[in-house]
Amino acid sequence: MKVERITPYGGEPGDKSRQVREMFDSIAPAYDFMNRAMTLGIDHLWRRRAVGLLRDCQHDDILDIATGTGDLAIRLARELDPIAVTGVDLSEGMVEIGRAKVEKEGLADVVTLGIGDCLLLPFTDGSFDAVTCAYGVRNFADLLAGYREMHRVLRPGGTAVILELSTPTSGIVKPFYNLYTRHVIPTVGRLVSKDVRAYSYLPESIAAVPQGAEMTAIMLEAGFAEARAIPLTFGVCTIYVAKK
């Protein structure tokens, strides 16, 4: 099943953006804790690897799509010393938490977080040197349209770095992964976030999102000149890098 048809609360796929916004508003207070818990803290290493891929690319102006509570935007600002990092997200609840974190880190002069639709970005063509997105593209109501928007707002030669959860292919790892994502995470998520569906939607959307060569093919269809996939941690996460 296409990932665009997987929705947090069921119903019509065309309603996905609204449902995703409502889901993240609901789980925003628990989001950072659950991210650390369900990845056993490895998400820090994944973000570090993603940021490192931009170190040798032009990165004065960076757009972080589906920025959530701002973890990736903050790391980009800390480690790359850009002129500006702009983060956009559908969820006001997530962005409010992110803004508080940016203030606490003393990065308000570099990092700006706001509400924005990833499928209709409020920026002119060629506005950014780099575009990033962590764990967000499987929530897009239209994956190809989302990549086309990333391509549109990038400057010629710009880089897109996408960090997304994926399904391991190892016959040894996969059974443990399935048990953990389909049973442990939903159970803990319901207890911590009080949202019955949010952490059941997570493994469903991971299973449905295009992965590896299938994902890079969509990026190329969106207009990118080149794209590659970098599997991490037995394939439970993948970084996709594309150039305009």
C-alpha atoms as a PDB file:
ATOM      1  CA  MET A   1       0.000   0.000   0.000  1.00  0.00           C
ATOM      2  CA  LYS A   2       1.295   3.489  -0.860  1.00  0.00           C
ATOM      3  CA  VAL A   3       2.402   5.479   2.170  1.00  0.00           C
ATOM      4  CA  GLU A   4       0.110   8.353   1.147  1.00  0.00           C
ATOM      5  CA  ARG A   5      -2.853   6.089   1.908  1.00  0.00           C
ATOM      6  CA  ILE A   6      -1.665   5.344   5.459  1.00  0.00           C
ATOM      7  CA  THR A   7      -3.319   7.839   7.811  1.00  0.00           C
ATOM      8  CA  PRO A   8      -3.044   8.230  11.590  1.00  0.00           C
ATOM      9  CA  TYR A   9      -6.749   7.869  12.345  1.00  0.00           C
ATOM     10  CA  GLY A  10      -8.189   6.096   9.294  1.00  0.00           C
ATOM     11  CA  GLY A  11     -10.726   7.571   6.908  1.00  0.00           C
ATOM     12  CA  GLU A  12     -10.006   9.146   3.542  1.00  0.00           C
ATOM     13  CA  PRO A  13      -6.338   9.394   2.427  1.00  0.00           C
ATOM     14  CA  GLY A  14      -7.058  12.882   1.107  1.00  0.00           C
ATOM     15  CA  ASP A  15      -7.397  13.956   4.734  1.00  0.00           C
ATOM     16  CA  LYS A  16      -3.858  12.905   5.655  1.00  0.00           C
ATOM     17  CA  SER A  17      -2.316  16.355   6.157  1.00  0.00           C
ATOM     18  CA  ARG A  18      -5.015  17.384   8.639  1.00  0.00           C
ATOM     19  CA  GLN A  19      -4.738  14.090  10.507  1.00  0.00           C
ATOM     20  CA  VAL A  20      -0.951  14.330  10.682  1.00  0.00           C
ATOM     21  CA  ARG A  21      -1.204  17.860  12.074  1.00  0.00           C
ATOM     22  CA  GLU A  22      -3.720  16.757  14.709  1.00  0.00           C
ATOM     23  CA  MET A  23      -1.632  13.706  15.638  1.00  0.00           C
ATOM     24  CA  PHE A  24       1.538  15.722  16.200  1.00  0.00           C
ATOM     25  CA  ASP A  25      -0.353  18.389  18.144  1.00  0.00           C
ATOM     26  CA  SER A  26      -1.626  15.548  20.349  1.00  0.00           C
ATOM     27  CA  ILE A  27       1.742  13.875  20.978  1.00  0.00           C
ATOM     28  CA  ALA A  28       3.923  17.010  21.028  1.00  0.00           C
ATOM     29  CA  PRO A  29       4.534  16.971  24.831  1.00  0.00           C
ATOM     30  CA  ALA A  30       5.741  13.344  24.663  1.00  0.00           C
ATOM     31  CA  TYR A  31       7.486  13.484  21.274  1.00  0.00           C
ATOM     32  CA  ASP A  32      11.084  14.105  22.336  1.00  0.00           C
ATOM     33  CA  PHE A  33      10.932  11.472  25.091  1.00  0.00           C
ATOM     34  CA  MET A  34       9.448   8.892  22.718  1.00  0.00           C
ATOM     35  CA  ASN A  35      12.061   9.651  20.047  1.00  0.00           C
ATOM     36  CA  ARG A  36      14.865   8.941  22.506  1.00  0.00           C
ATOM     37  CA  ALA A  37      13.132   5.895  23.984  1.00  0.00           C
ATOM     38  CA  MET A  38      12.041   4.114  20.819  1.00  0.00           C
ATOM     39  CA  THR A  39      15.445   4.545  19.109  1.00  0.00           C
ATOM     40  CA  LEU A  40      17.392   3.848  22.324  1.00  0.00           C
ATOM     41  CA  GLY A  41      19.052   7.231  21.811  1.00  0.00           C
ATOM     42  CA  ILE A  42      20.566   6.296  18.450  1.00  0.00           C
ATOM     43  CA  ASP A  43      18.558   9.044  16.722  1.00  0.00           C
ATOM     44  CA  HIS A  44      21.268  11.486  17.907  1.00  0.00           C
ATOM     45  CA  LEU A  45      23.856   9.572  15.891  1.00  0.00           C
ATOM     46  CA  TRP A  46      21.616   9.461  12.813  1.00  0.00           C
ATOM     47  CA  ARG A  47      21.101  13.226  12.909  1.00  0.00           C
ATOM     48  CA  ARG A  48      24.835  13.790  13.375  1.00  0.00           C
ATOM     49  CA  ARG A  49      25.556  11.684  10.283  1.00  0.00           C
ATOM     50  CA  ALA A  50      22.952  13.602   8.261  1.00  0.00           C
ATOM     51  CA  VAL A  51      24.387  16.973   9.291  1.00  0.00           C
ATOM     52  CA  GLY A  52      27.902  15.806   8.467  1.00  0.00           C
ATOM     53  CA  LEU A  53      26.877  15.153   4.882  1.00  0.00           C
ATOM     54  CA  LEU A  54      26.293  18.898   4.443  1.00  0.00           C
ATOM     55  CA  ARG A  55      29.636  19.963   5.892  1.00  0.00           C
ATOM     56  CA  ASP A  56      31.385  20.123   2.515  1.00  0.00           C
ATOM     57  CA  CYS A  57      28.358  21.561   0.662  1.00  0.00           C
ATOM     58  CA  GLN A  58      27.162  25.137   0.483  1.00  0.00           C
ATOM     59  CA  HIS A  59      25.007  25.616   3.592  1.00  0.00           C
ATOM     60  CA  ASP A  60      24.636  29.310   4.401  1.00  0.00           C
ATOM     61  CA  ASP A  61      20.829  29.122   4.163  1.00  0.00           C
ATOM     62  CA  ILE A  62      19.175  25.859   5.223  1.00  0.00           C
ATOM     63  CA  LEU A  63      15.513  24.864   5.201  1.00  0.00           C
ATOM     64  CA  ASP A  64      14.446  22.092   7.594  1.00  0.00           C
ATOM     65  CA  ILE A  65      11.109  20.626   6.487  1.00  0.00           C
ATOM     66  CA  ALA A  66       8.818  18.866   8.991  1.00  0.00           C
ATOM     67  CA  THR A  67      11.086  20.366  11.629  1.00  0.00           C
ATOM     68  CA  GLY A  68       8.930  19.169  14.532  1.00  0.00           C
ATOM     69  CA  THR A  69      10.474  20.208  17.859  1.00  0.00           C
ATOM     70  CA  GLY A  70      13.568  21.499  16.095  1.00  0.00           C
ATOM     71  CA  ASP A  71      16.173  18.847  16.959  1.00  0.00           C
ATOM     72  CA  LEU A  72      17.700  18.738  13.490  1.00  0.00           C
ATOM     73  CA  ALA A  73      17.450  22.510  12.972  1.00  0.00           C
ATOM     74  CA  ILE A  74      19.305  23.092  16.247  1.00  0.00           C
ATOM     75  CA  ARG A  75      22.053  20.590  15.356  1.00  0.00           C
ATOM     76  CA  LEU A  76      22.455  22.177  11.912  1.00  0.00           C
ATOM     77  CA  ALA A  77      22.924  25.586  13.525  1.00  0.00           C
ATOM     78  CA  ARG A  78      25.378  24.301  16.131  1.00  0.00           C
ATOM     79  CA  GLU A  79      27.589  22.214  13.864  1.00  0.00           C
ATOM     80  CA  LEU A  80      27.555  24.020  10.503  1.00  0.00           C
ATOM     81  CA  ASP A  81      27.492  27.673  11.610  1.00  0.00           C
ATOM     82  CA  PRO A  82      25.111  28.722   8.808  1.00  0.00           C
ATOM     83  CA  ILE A  83      23.760  32.225   8.359  1.00  0.00           C
ATOM     84  CA  ALA A  84      20.187  31.002   8.860  1.00  0.00           C
ATOM     85  CA  VAL A  85      18.222  27.828   9.477  1.00  0.00           C
ATOM     86  CA  THR A  86      14.497  28.017   8.733  1.00  0.00           C
ATOM     87  CA  GLY A  87      12.237  25.244  10.019  1.00  0.00           C
ATOM     88  CA  VAL A  88       8.630  24.654   8.969  1.00  0.00           C
ATOM     89  CA  ASP A  89       6.053  22.183  10.264  1.00  0.00           C
ATOM     90  CA  LEU A  90       2.306  21.612  10.080  1.00  0.00           C
ATOM     91  CA  SER A  91       1.942  21.242  13.861  1.00  0.00           C
ATOM     92  CA  GLU A  92       1.738  24.357  15.996  1.00  0.00           C
ATOM     93  CA  GLY A  93       2.167  22.237  19.125  1.00  0.00           C
ATOM     94  CA  MET A  94       5.479  20.832  17.894  1.00  0.00           C
ATOM     95  CA  VAL A  95       6.749  24.225  16.708  1.00  0.00           C
ATOM     96  CA  GLU A  96       5.964  25.871  20.063  1.00  0.00           C
ATOM     97  CA  ILE A  97       8.145  23.314  21.846  1.00  0.00           C
ATOM     98  CA  GLY A  98      10.837  23.767  19.213  1.00  0.00           C
ATOM     99  CA  ARG A  99      10.881  27.537  19.645  1.00  0.00           C
ATOM    100  CA  ALA A 100      11.368  27.142  23.396  1.00  0.00           C
ATOM    101  CA  LYS A 101      14.322  24.805  22.752  1.00  0.00           C
ATOM    102  CA  VAL A 102      15.858  27.266  20.278  1.00  0.00           C
ATOM    103  CA  GLU A 103      15.617  30.069  22.869  1.00  0.00           C
ATOM    104  CA  LYS A 104      17.145  27.848  25.551  1.00  0.00           C
ATOM    105  CA  GLU A 105      20.059  27.021  23.236  1.00  0.00           C
ATOM    106  CA  GLY A 106      20.654  30.707  22.510  1.00  0.00           C
ATOM    107  CA  LEU A 107      20.127  30.196  18.780  1.00  0.00           C
ATOM    108  CA  ALA A 108      17.185  32.513  18.128  1.00  0.00           C
ATOM    109  CA  ASP A 109      19.345  34.754  15.940  1.00  0.00           C
ATOM    110  CA  VAL A 110      20.053  31.829  13.587  1.00  0.00           C
ATOM    111  CA  VAL A 111      17.102  29.427  13.821  1.00  0.00           C
ATOM    112  CA  THR A 112      13.557  30.479  12.927  1.00  0.00           C
ATOM    113  CA  LEU A 113      10.697  27.979  13.242  1.00  0.00           C
ATOM    114  CA  GLY A 114       7.240  28.531  11.779  1.00  0.00           C
ATOM    115  CA  ILE A 115       4.073  26.881  10.533  1.00  0.00           C
ATOM    116  CA  GLY A 116       4.200  25.734   6.932  1.00  0.00           C
ATOM    117  CA  ASP A 117       2.839  23.122   4.548  1.00  0.00           C
ATOM    118  CA  CYS A 118       5.639  20.959   3.128  1.00  0.00           C
ATOM    119  CA  LEU A 119       3.607  20.514  -0.069  1.00  0.00           C
ATOM    120  CA  LEU A 120       3.176  24.261  -0.584  1.00  0.00           C
ATOM    121  CA  LEU A 121       6.255  25.927   0.855  1.00  0.00           C
ATOM    122  CA  PRO A 122       5.968  29.703   1.425  1.00  0.00           C
ATOM    123  CA  PHE A 123       9.316  30.477  -0.219  1.00  0.00           C
ATOM    124  CA  THR A 124      10.374  31.666  -3.656  1.00  0.00           C
ATOM    125  CA  ASP A 125      12.273  29.452  -6.093  1.00  0.00           C
ATOM    126  CA  GLY A 126      15.967  28.967  -5.296  1.00  0.00           C
ATOM    127  CA  SER A 127      15.847  30.341  -1.749  1.00  0.00           C
ATOM    128  CA  PHE A 128      18.088  27.793   0.013  1.00  0.00           C
ATOM    129  CA  ASP A 129      21.481  26.137  -0.306  1.00  0.00           C
ATOM    130  CA  ALA A 130      20.274  22.975   1.423  1.00  0.00           C
ATOM    131  CA  VAL A 131      17.013  21.318   2.431  1.00  0.00           C
ATOM    132  CA  THR A 132      16.734  18.736   5.200  1.00  0.00           C
ATOM    133  CA  CYS A 133      13.923  16.577   6.554  1.00  0.00           C
ATOM    134  CA  ALA A 134      14.115  14.094   9.446  1.00  0.00           C
ATOM    135  CA  TYR A 135      11.454  11.401   9.816  1.00  0.00           C
ATOM    136  CA  GLY A 136       8.923  13.477   7.913  1.00  0.00           C
ATOM    137  CA  VAL A 137       8.532  12.412   4.293  1.00  0.00           C
ATOM    138  CA  ARG A 138       6.429   9.328   5.112  1.00  0.00           C
ATOM    139  CA  ASN A 139       3.884  11.744   6.599  1.00  0.00           C
ATOM    140  CA  PHE A 140       3.492  13.673   3.335  1.00  0.00           C
ATOM    141  CA  ALA A 141       0.092  13.408   1.684  1.00  0.00           C
ATOM    142  CA  ASP A 142       1.914  13.397  -1.676  1.00  0.00           C
ATOM    143  CA  LEU A 143       5.540  12.254  -1.594  1.00  0.00           C
ATOM    144  CA  LEU A 144       6.428  13.266  -5.163  1.00  0.00           C
ATOM    145  CA  ALA A 145       4.904  16.718  -4.686  1.00  0.00           C
ATOM    146  CA  GLY A 146       6.900  17.143  -1.480  1.00  0.00           C
ATOM    147  CA  TYR A 147      10.163  16.366  -3.245  1.00  0.00           C
ATOM    148  CA  ARG A 148       9.234  18.714  -6.091  1.00  0.00           C
ATOM    149  CA  GLU A 149       8.797  21.513  -3.561  1.00  0.00           C
ATOM    150  CA  MET A 150      12.206  20.750  -2.039  1.00  0.00           C
ATOM    151  CA  HIS A 151      13.735  20.846  -5.515  1.00  0.00           C
ATOM    152  CA  ARG A 152      11.959  24.113  -6.333  1.00  0.00           C
ATOM    153  CA  VAL A 153      13.230  26.039  -3.298  1.00  0.00           C
ATOM    154  CA  LEU A 154      16.825  24.797  -3.665  1.00  0.00           C
ATOM    155  CA  ARG A 155      19.421  26.857  -5.494  1.00  0.00           C
ATOM    156  CA  PRO A 156      21.212  25.250  -8.458  1.00  0.00           C
ATOM    157  CA  GLY A 157      23.771  22.802  -7.076  1.00  0.00           C
ATOM    158  CA  GLY A 158      21.891  22.659  -3.764  1.00  0.00           C
ATOM    159  CA  THR A 159      21.651  19.539  -1.631  1.00  0.00           C
ATOM    160  CA  ALA A 160      18.714  17.711  -0.064  1.00  0.00           C
ATOM    161  CA  VAL A 161      19.395  15.400   2.894  1.00  0.00           C
ATOM    162  CA  ILE A 162      16.466  13.240   3.991  1.00  0.00           C
ATOM    163  CA  LEU A 163      16.585  11.106   7.121  1.00  0.00           C
ATOM    164  CA  GLU A 164      13.833   8.474   7.270  1.00  0.00           C
ATOM    165  CA  LEU A 165      13.035   5.309   9.175  1.00  0.00           C
ATOM    166  CA  SER A 166      13.116   2.134   7.113  1.00  0.00           C
ATOM    167  CA  THR A 167      12.645  -1.615   7.360  1.00  0.00           C
ATOM    168  CA  PRO A 168      15.732  -3.820   7.825  1.00  0.00           C
ATOM    169  CA  THR A 169      16.168  -6.592   5.290  1.00  0.00           C
ATOM    170  CA  SER A 170      18.363  -8.872   7.421  1.00  0.00           C
ATOM    171  CA  GLY A 171      16.620 -12.142   8.277  1.00  0.00           C
ATOM    172  CA  ILE A 172      18.278 -12.017  11.713  1.00  0.00           C
ATOM    173  CA  VAL A 173      17.371  -8.422  12.580  1.00  0.00           C
ATOM    174  CA  LYS A 174      13.885  -8.211  11.032  1.00  0.00           C
ATOM    175  CA  PRO A 175      11.970 -10.478  13.511  1.00  0.00           C
ATOM    176  CA  PHE A 176      13.249  -8.456  16.489  1.00  0.00           C
ATOM    177  CA  TYR A 177      12.527  -5.218  14.646  1.00  0.00           C
ATOM    178  CA  ASN A 178       8.947  -6.327  13.889  1.00  0.00           C
ATOM    179  CA  LEU A 179       8.317  -7.307  17.508  1.00  0.00           C
ATOM    180  CA  TYR A 180       9.706  -4.008  18.764  1.00  0.00           C
ATOM    181  CA  THR A 181       7.953  -1.674  16.304  1.00  0.00           C
ATOM    182  CA  ARG A 182       4.598  -3.465  16.142  1.00  0.00           C
ATOM    183  CA  HIS A 183       4.145  -4.296  19.807  1.00  0.00           C
ATOM    184  CA  VAL A 184       6.583  -2.575  22.180  1.00  0.00           C
ATOM    185  CA  ILE A 185       6.521   0.932  20.671  1.00  0.00           C
ATOM    186  CA  PRO A 186       2.690   1.151  20.278  1.00  0.00           C
ATOM    187  CA  THR A 187       2.201  -0.054  23.868  1.00  0.00           C
ATOM    188  CA  VAL A 188       4.668   2.428  25.353  1.00  0.00           C
ATOM    189  CA  GLY A 189       3.385   5.180  23.063  1.00  0.00           C
ATOM    190  CA  ARG A 190      -0.186   4.742  24.261  1.00  0.00           C
ATOM    191  CA  LEU A 191       0.943   4.925  27.892  1.00  0.00           C
ATOM    192  CA  VAL A 192       3.166   7.976  27.453  1.00  0.00           C
ATOM    193  CA  SER A 193       1.355  10.048  24.839  1.00  0.00           C
ATOM    194  CA  LYS A 194      -2.244   8.957  25.571  1.00  0.00           C
ATOM    195  CA  ASP A 195      -2.856   8.864  21.801  1.00  0.00           C
ATOM    196  CA  VAL A 196      -4.147   5.391  20.989  1.00  0.00           C
ATOM    197  CA  ARG A 197      -3.288   5.484  17.270  1.00  0.00           C
ATOM    198  CA  ALA A 198      -0.161   7.628  16.896  1.00  0.00           C
ATOM    199  CA  TYR A 199       2.411   4.946  17.645  1.00  0.00           C
ATOM    200  CA  SER A 200       0.537   2.280  15.712  1.00  0.00           C
ATOM    201  CA  TYR A 201       0.578   4.589  12.694  1.00  0.00           C
ATOM    202  CA  LEU A 202       4.379   4.770  13.031  1.00  0.00           C
ATOM    203  CA  PRO A 203       5.237   1.146  12.052  1.00  0.00           C
ATOM    204  CA  GLU A 204       2.441   1.121   9.455  1.00  0.00           C
ATOM    205  CA  SER A 205       3.877   4.182   7.710  1.00  0.00           C
ATOM    206  CA  ILE A 206       7.458   2.879   7.909  1.00  0.00           C
ATOM    207  CA  ALA A 207       6.403  -0.385   6.261  1.00  0.00           C
ATOM    208  CA  ALA A 208       4.636   1.499   3.454  1.00  0.00           C
ATOM    209  CA  VAL A 209       7.155   4.263   2.679  1.00  0.00           C
ATOM    210  CA  PRO A 210       9.338   3.739  -0.443  1.00  0.00           C
ATOM    211  CA  GLN A 211      12.836   2.655   0.503  1.00  0.00           C
ATOM    212  CA  GLY A 212      16.281   2.470  -1.083  1.00  0.00           C
ATOM    213  CA  ALA A 213      16.252   2.585  -4.881  1.00  0.00           C
ATOM    214  CA  GLU A 214      12.484   3.115  -4.946  1.00  0.00           C
ATOM    215  CA  MET A 215      12.849   6.308  -2.896  1.00  0.00           C
ATOM    216  CA  THR A 216      15.780   7.656  -4.915  1.00  0.00           C
ATOM    217  CA  ALA A 217      13.792   7.035  -8.123  1.00  0.00           C
ATOM    218  CA  ILE A 218      11.035   9.336  -6.800  1.00  0.00           C
ATOM    219  CA  MET A 219      13.624  12.004  -5.995  1.00  0.00           C
ATOM    220  CA  LEU A 220      14.975  11.796  -9.539  1.00  0.00           C
ATOM    221  CA  GLU A 221      11.423  12.015 -10.916  1.00  0.00           C
ATOM    222  CA  ALA A 222      10.972  15.188  -8.859  1.00  0.00           C
ATOM    223  CA  GLY A 223      13.839  16.777 -10.797  1.00  0.00           C
ATOM    224  CA  PHE A 224      16.983  16.030  -8.800  1.00  0.00           C
ATOM    225  CA  ALA A 225      20.064  15.362 -10.914  1.00  0.00           C
ATOM    226  CA  GLU A 226      21.387  12.601  -8.676  1.00  0.00           C
ATOM    227  CA  ALA A 227      20.262  10.721  -5.565  1.00  0.00           C
ATOM    228  CA  ARG A 228      21.652   7.991  -3.341  1.00  0.00           C
ATOM    229  CA  ALA A 229      20.627   6.017  -0.264  1.00  0.00           C
ATOM    230  CA  ILE A 230      22.809   5.399   2.807  1.00  0.00           C
ATOM    231  CA  PRO A 231      21.448   2.667   5.140  1.00  0.00           C
ATOM    232  CA  LEU A 232      22.194   3.043   8.868  1.00  0.00           C
ATOM    233  CA  THR A 233      22.015   0.669  11.863  1.00  0.00           C
ATOM    234  CA  PHE A 234      21.135  -2.578  10.044  1.00  0.00           C
ATOM    235  CA  GLY A 235      18.778  -0.648   7.760  1.00  0.00           C
ATOM    236  CA  VAL A 236      16.350   0.649  10.413  1.00  0.00           C
ATOM    237  CA  CYS A 237      17.118   4.173   9.186  1.00  0.00           C
ATOM    238  CA  THR A 238      18.216   5.511   5.796  1.00  0.00           C
ATOM    239  CA  ILE A 239      19.698   8.819   4.693  1.00  0.00           C
ATOM    240  CA  TYR A 240      18.835   9.949   1.174  1.00  0.00           C
ATOM    241  CA  VAL A 241      21.089  12.567  -0.423  1.00  0.00           C
ATOM    242  CA  ALA A 242      20.121  14.355  -3.640  1.00  0.00           C
ATOM    243  CA  LYS A 243      21.627  17.188  -5.670  1.00  0.00           C
ATOM    244  CA  LYS A 244      19.835  19.779  -7.787  1.00  0.00           C
END
